[in-house]
C-alpha atoms as a PDB file:
ATOM      1  CA  UNK A   1      43.271  34.498  45.876  1.00  0.00           C
ATOM      2  CA  UNK A   2      42.467  35.571  49.426  1.00  0.00           C
ATOM      3  CA  UNK A   3      45.159  37.558  51.172  1.00  0.00           C
ATOM      4  CA  UNK A   4      45.831  37.323  54.900  1.00  0.00           C
ATOM      5  CA  UNK A   5      44.450  40.111  57.028  1.00  0.00           C
ATOM      6  CA  UNK A   6      46.451  41.785  59.730  1.00  0.00           C
ATOM      7  CA  UNK A   7      44.888  41.506  63.162  1.00  0.00           C
ATOM      8  CA  UNK A   8      46.963  43.367  65.745  1.00  0.00           C
ATOM      9  CA  UNK A   9      46.654  42.799  69.462  1.00  0.00           C
ATOM     10  CA  UNK A  10      46.173  45.889  71.625  1.00  0.00           C
ATOM     11  CA  UNK A  11      49.798  45.622  72.762  1.00  0.00           C
ATOM     12  CA  UNK A  12      51.115  45.381  69.182  1.00  0.00           C
ATOM     13  CA  UNK A  13      48.968  48.302  68.089  1.00  0.00           C
ATOM     14  CA  UNK A  14      50.209  50.463  70.984  1.00  0.00           C
ATOM     15  CA  UNK A  15      53.811  49.520  70.221  1.00  0.00           C
ATOM     16  CA  UNK A  16      53.438  50.481  66.549  1.00  0.00           C
ATOM     17  CA  UNK A  17      51.678  53.760  67.422  1.00  0.00           C
ATOM     18  CA  UNK A  18      54.391  54.693  69.940  1.00  0.00           C
ATOM     19  CA  UNK A  19      57.108  53.811  67.439  1.00  0.00           C
ATOM     20  CA  UNK A  20      55.579  55.975  64.717  1.00  0.00           C
ATOM     21  CA  UNK A  21      54.967  58.980  66.998  1.00  0.00           C
ATOM     22  CA  UNK A  22      57.835  59.073  69.495  1.00  0.00           C
ATOM     23  CA  UNK A  23      61.576  58.735  69.389  1.00  0.00           C
ATOM     24  CA  UNK A  24      64.049  59.149  66.585  1.00  0.00           C
ATOM     25  CA  UNK A  25      63.701  56.487  63.906  1.00  0.00           C
ATOM     26  CA  UNK A  26      64.392  56.295  60.206  1.00  0.00           C
ATOM     27  CA  UNK A  27      61.550  57.416  57.951  1.00  0.00           C
ATOM     28  CA  UNK A  28      61.512  54.011  56.319  1.00  0.00           C
ATOM     29  CA  UNK A  29      60.812  52.229  59.613  1.00  0.00           C
ATOM     30  CA  UNK A  30      58.192  54.785  60.692  1.00  0.00           C
ATOM     31  CA  UNK A  31      56.428  54.351  57.344  1.00  0.00           C
ATOM     32  CA  UNK A  32      56.462  50.575  57.825  1.00  0.00           C
ATOM     33  CA  UNK A  33      54.738  50.999  61.197  1.00  0.00           C
ATOM     34  CA  UNK A  34      52.154  53.374  59.690  1.00  0.00           C
ATOM     35  CA  UNK A  35      51.404  50.969  56.847  1.00  0.00           C
ATOM     36  CA  UNK A  36      50.715  48.110  59.254  1.00  0.00           C
ATOM     37  CA  UNK A  37      48.502  50.346  61.394  1.00  0.00           C
ATOM     38  CA  UNK A  38      46.530  51.294  58.280  1.00  0.00           C
ATOM     39  CA  UNK A  39      46.160  47.609  57.297  1.00  0.00           C
ATOM     40  CA  UNK A  40      45.002  46.558  60.774  1.00  0.00           C
ATOM     41  CA  UNK A  41      41.500  45.128  60.835  1.00  0.00           C
ATOM     42  CA  UNK A  42      41.401  44.099  64.507  1.00  0.00           C
ATOM     43  CA  UNK A  43      39.099  46.958  65.541  1.00  0.00           C
ATOM     44  CA  UNK A  44      36.299  45.597  63.364  1.00  0.00           C
ATOM     45  CA  UNK A  45      36.754  48.182  60.642  1.00  0.00           C
ATOM     46  CA  UNK A  46      37.727  47.494  57.064  1.00  0.00           C
ATOM     47  CA  UNK A  47      41.475  48.080  56.498  1.00  0.00           C
ATOM     48  CA  UNK A  48      42.512  50.855  54.170  1.00  0.00           C
ATOM     49  CA  UNK A  49      43.077  50.007  50.512  1.00  0.00           C
ATOM     50  CA  UNK A  50      46.612  49.768  49.180  1.00  0.00           C
ATOM     51  CA  UNK A  51      46.072  52.772  46.879  1.00  0.00           C
ATOM     52  CA  UNK A  52      44.851  54.944  49.763  1.00  0.00           C
ATOM     53  CA  UNK A  53      47.771  53.918  51.975  1.00  0.00           C
ATOM     54  CA  UNK A  54      50.217  54.665  49.179  1.00  0.00           C
ATOM     55  CA  UNK A  55      48.796  58.177  48.733  1.00  0.00           C
ATOM     56  CA  UNK A  56      48.521  58.940  52.448  1.00  0.00           C
ATOM     57  CA  UNK A  57      51.996  57.739  53.453  1.00  0.00           C
ATOM     58  CA  UNK A  58      53.783  58.539  50.217  1.00  0.00           C
ATOM     59  CA  UNK A  59      54.952  55.084  49.196  1.00  0.00           C
ATOM     60  CA  UNK A  60      54.217  52.864  46.220  1.00  0.00           C
ATOM     61  CA  UNK A  61      51.510  50.186  46.276  1.00  0.00           C
ATOM     62  CA  UNK A  62      54.247  47.581  45.892  1.00  0.00           C
ATOM     63  CA  UNK A  63      56.030  48.945  48.966  1.00  0.00           C
ATOM     64  CA  UNK A  64      52.812  48.552  50.946  1.00  0.00           C
ATOM     65  CA  UNK A  65      52.441  44.994  49.710  1.00  0.00           C
ATOM     66  CA  UNK A  66      56.064  44.187  50.614  1.00  0.00           C
ATOM     67  CA  UNK A  67      55.664  45.656  54.100  1.00  0.00           C
ATOM     68  CA  UNK A  68      52.550  43.558  54.686  1.00  0.00           C
ATOM     69  CA  UNK A  69      54.391  40.434  53.533  1.00  0.00           C
ATOM     70  CA  UNK A  70      57.351  41.271  55.790  1.00  0.00           C
ATOM     71  CA  UNK A  71      55.057  41.812  58.780  1.00  0.00           C
ATOM     72  CA  UNK A  72      53.256  38.518  58.270  1.00  0.00           C
ATOM     73  CA  UNK A  73      56.555  36.655  58.079  1.00  0.00           C
ATOM     74  CA  UNK A  74      58.162  38.452  61.068  1.00  0.00           C
ATOM     75  CA  UNK A  75      58.371  36.737  64.443  1.00  0.00           C
ATOM     76  CA  UNK A  76      57.028  39.762  66.316  1.00  0.00           C
ATOM     77  CA  UNK A  77      56.613  43.534  66.090  1.00  0.00           C
ATOM     78  CA  UNK A  78      60.082  44.245  67.482  1.00  0.00           C
ATOM     79  CA  UNK A  79      61.741  42.049  64.854  1.00  0.00           C
ATOM     80  CA  UNK A  80      59.631  43.692  62.153  1.00  0.00           C
ATOM     81  CA  UNK A  81      60.699  47.202  63.197  1.00  0.00           C
ATOM     82  CA  UNK A  82      64.427  46.467  63.253  1.00  0.00           C
ATOM     83  CA  UNK A  83      66.707  46.752  60.274  1.00  0.00           C
ATOM     84  CA  UNK A  84      68.168  43.522  59.052  1.00  0.00           C
ATOM     85  CA  UNK A  85      71.850  43.272  59.930  1.00  0.00           C
ATOM     86  CA  UNK A  86      74.214  42.868  57.025  1.00  0.00           C
ATOM     87  CA  UNK A  87      75.920  39.471  56.991  1.00  0.00           C
ATOM     88  CA  UNK A  88      78.996  40.497  55.030  1.00  0.00           C
ATOM     89  CA  UNK A  89      80.700  43.855  54.605  1.00  0.00           C
ATOM     90  CA  UNK A  90      80.037  45.668  51.313  1.00  0.00           C
ATOM     91  CA  UNK A  91      83.666  45.156  50.279  1.00  0.00           C
ATOM     92  CA  UNK A  92      85.926  42.476  51.676  1.00  0.00           C
ATOM     93  CA  UNK A  93      88.873  44.049  53.525  1.00  0.00           C
ATOM     94  CA  UNK A  94      92.195  43.804  51.703  1.00  0.00           C
ATOM     95  CA  UNK A  95      94.193  43.615  54.901  1.00  0.00           C
ATOM     96  CA  UNK A  96      93.638  40.354  56.739  1.00  0.00           C
ATOM     97  CA  UNK A  97      95.095  39.548  60.140  1.00  0.00           C
ATOM     98  CA  UNK A  98      98.102  37.833  58.563  1.00  0.00           C
ATOM     99  CA  UNK A  99      98.899  40.751  56.254  1.00  0.00           C
ATOM    100  CA  UNK A 100      98.380  43.175  59.142  1.00  0.00           C
ATOM    101  CA  UNK A 101     100.894  41.252  61.262  1.00  0.00           C
ATOM    102  CA  UNK A 102     103.445  41.303  58.425  1.00  0.00           C
ATOM    103  CA  UNK A 103     103.034  45.061  57.932  1.00  0.00           C
ATOM    104  CA  UNK A 104     103.501  45.700  61.656  1.00  0.00           C
ATOM    105  CA  UNK A 105     106.588  43.476  61.711  1.00  0.00           C
ATOM    106  CA  UNK A 106     107.968  45.331  58.695  1.00  0.00           C
ATOM    107  CA  UNK A 107     107.291  48.728  60.342  1.00  0.00           C
ATOM    108  CA  UNK A 108     109.056  47.621  63.537  1.00  0.00           C
ATOM    109  CA  UNK A 109     112.040  46.237  61.632  1.00  0.00           C
ATOM    110  CA  UNK A 110     114.936  47.858  59.827  1.00  0.00           C
ATOM    111  CA  UNK A 111     114.192  50.403  57.123  1.00  0.00           C
ATOM    112  CA  UNK A 112     115.149  49.361  53.585  1.00  0.00           C
ATOM    113  CA  UNK A 113     118.603  50.173  52.317  1.00  0.00           C
ATOM    114  CA  UNK A 114     118.935  53.791  51.254  1.00  0.00           C
ATOM    115  CA  UNK A 115     116.140  54.974  53.583  1.00  0.00           C
ATOM    116  CA  UNK A 116     116.610  56.463  57.039  1.00  0.00           C
ATOM    117  CA  UNK A 117     113.231  55.184  58.285  1.00  0.00           C
ATOM    118  CA  UNK A 118     109.909  53.702  57.186  1.00  0.00           C
ATOM    119  CA  UNK A 119     107.190  55.988  55.851  1.00  0.00           C
ATOM    120  CA  UNK A 120     103.554  54.996  55.373  1.00  0.00           C
ATOM    121  CA  UNK A 121     103.931  55.333  51.608  1.00  0.00           C
ATOM    122  CA  UNK A 122     107.041  53.158  51.628  1.00  0.00           C
ATOM    123  CA  UNK A 123     105.259  50.568  53.772  1.00  0.00           C
ATOM    124  CA  UNK A 124     102.308  50.589  51.356  1.00  0.00           C
ATOM    125  CA  UNK A 125     104.618  50.052  48.356  1.00  0.00           C
ATOM    126  CA  UNK A 126     106.561  47.238  50.034  1.00  0.00           C
ATOM    127  CA  UNK A 127     103.337  45.600  51.263  1.00  0.00           C
ATOM    128  CA  UNK A 128     101.983  45.435  47.729  1.00  0.00           C
ATOM    129  CA  UNK A 129     105.342  44.100  46.549  1.00  0.00           C
ATOM    130  CA  UNK A 130     105.710  41.411  49.220  1.00  0.00           C
ATOM    131  CA  UNK A 131     102.194  40.531  50.385  1.00  0.00           C
ATOM    132  CA  UNK A 132     100.510  39.765  47.069  1.00  0.00           C
ATOM    133  CA  UNK A 133      97.883  42.484  47.531  1.00  0.00           C
ATOM    134  CA  UNK A 134      96.946  44.226  44.280  1.00  0.00           C
ATOM    135  CA  UNK A 135      96.945  47.720  45.838  1.00  0.00           C
ATOM    136  CA  UNK A 136      97.104  49.262  49.279  1.00  0.00           C
ATOM    137  CA  UNK A 137      96.639  52.907  50.205  1.00  0.00           C
ATOM    138  CA  UNK A 138      99.087  54.727  52.438  1.00  0.00           C
ATOM    139  CA  UNK A 139      96.030  55.782  54.456  1.00  0.00           C
ATOM    140  CA  UNK A 140      95.208  52.116  55.108  1.00  0.00           C
ATOM    141  CA  UNK A 141      98.713  51.663  56.506  1.00  0.00           C
ATOM    142  CA  UNK A 142      98.322  54.833  58.573  1.00  0.00           C
ATOM    143  CA  UNK A 143      95.006  53.638  60.077  1.00  0.00           C
ATOM    144  CA  UNK A 144      96.488  50.215  60.782  1.00  0.00           C
ATOM    145  CA  UNK A 145      99.456  51.702  62.628  1.00  0.00           C
ATOM    146  CA  UNK A 146      97.221  54.103  64.545  1.00  0.00           C
ATOM    147  CA  UNK A 147      94.926  51.216  65.536  1.00  0.00           C
ATOM    148  CA  UNK A 148      97.918  49.432  67.082  1.00  0.00           C
ATOM    149  CA  UNK A 149      99.274  52.681  68.563  1.00  0.00           C
ATOM    150  CA  UNK A 150     102.472  52.530  66.534  1.00  0.00           C
ATOM    151  CA  UNK A 151     104.364  55.530  65.266  1.00  0.00           C
ATOM    152  CA  UNK A 152     106.974  55.752  62.535  1.00  0.00           C
ATOM    153  CA  UNK A 153     108.724  58.741  64.123  1.00  0.00           C
END
């Protein structure tokens, strides 16, 4: 099976060289730029072998192969050198807009019987009780109130 060769234009090559030498970038992205520069065969020379690239840059052969595949599928050099944005947060937030509104309304309302005022811990307990959330930290309540510039004092 014949693999595709990487043929960089002068502009692309300069962009990759500048990226790998100047500025503050993550090591992962700089290594990606260096791998593509090593695989470039536009100057008429034979590209480096995967094993040699792996030793020189300090990555695995598979990483080199994956970078080459990513580069060939990227729209342009800029897109290749940017991290992919995460589509969803790592953990879904427990407090949705509706629950947030209920907590704020509760905090602005009367304190429960037997209490002089609301506390963040009391709000967290009542929120779990009334909102159907399995658990809620008092710190979550504190951040929520701070975000809306509300104070319990």
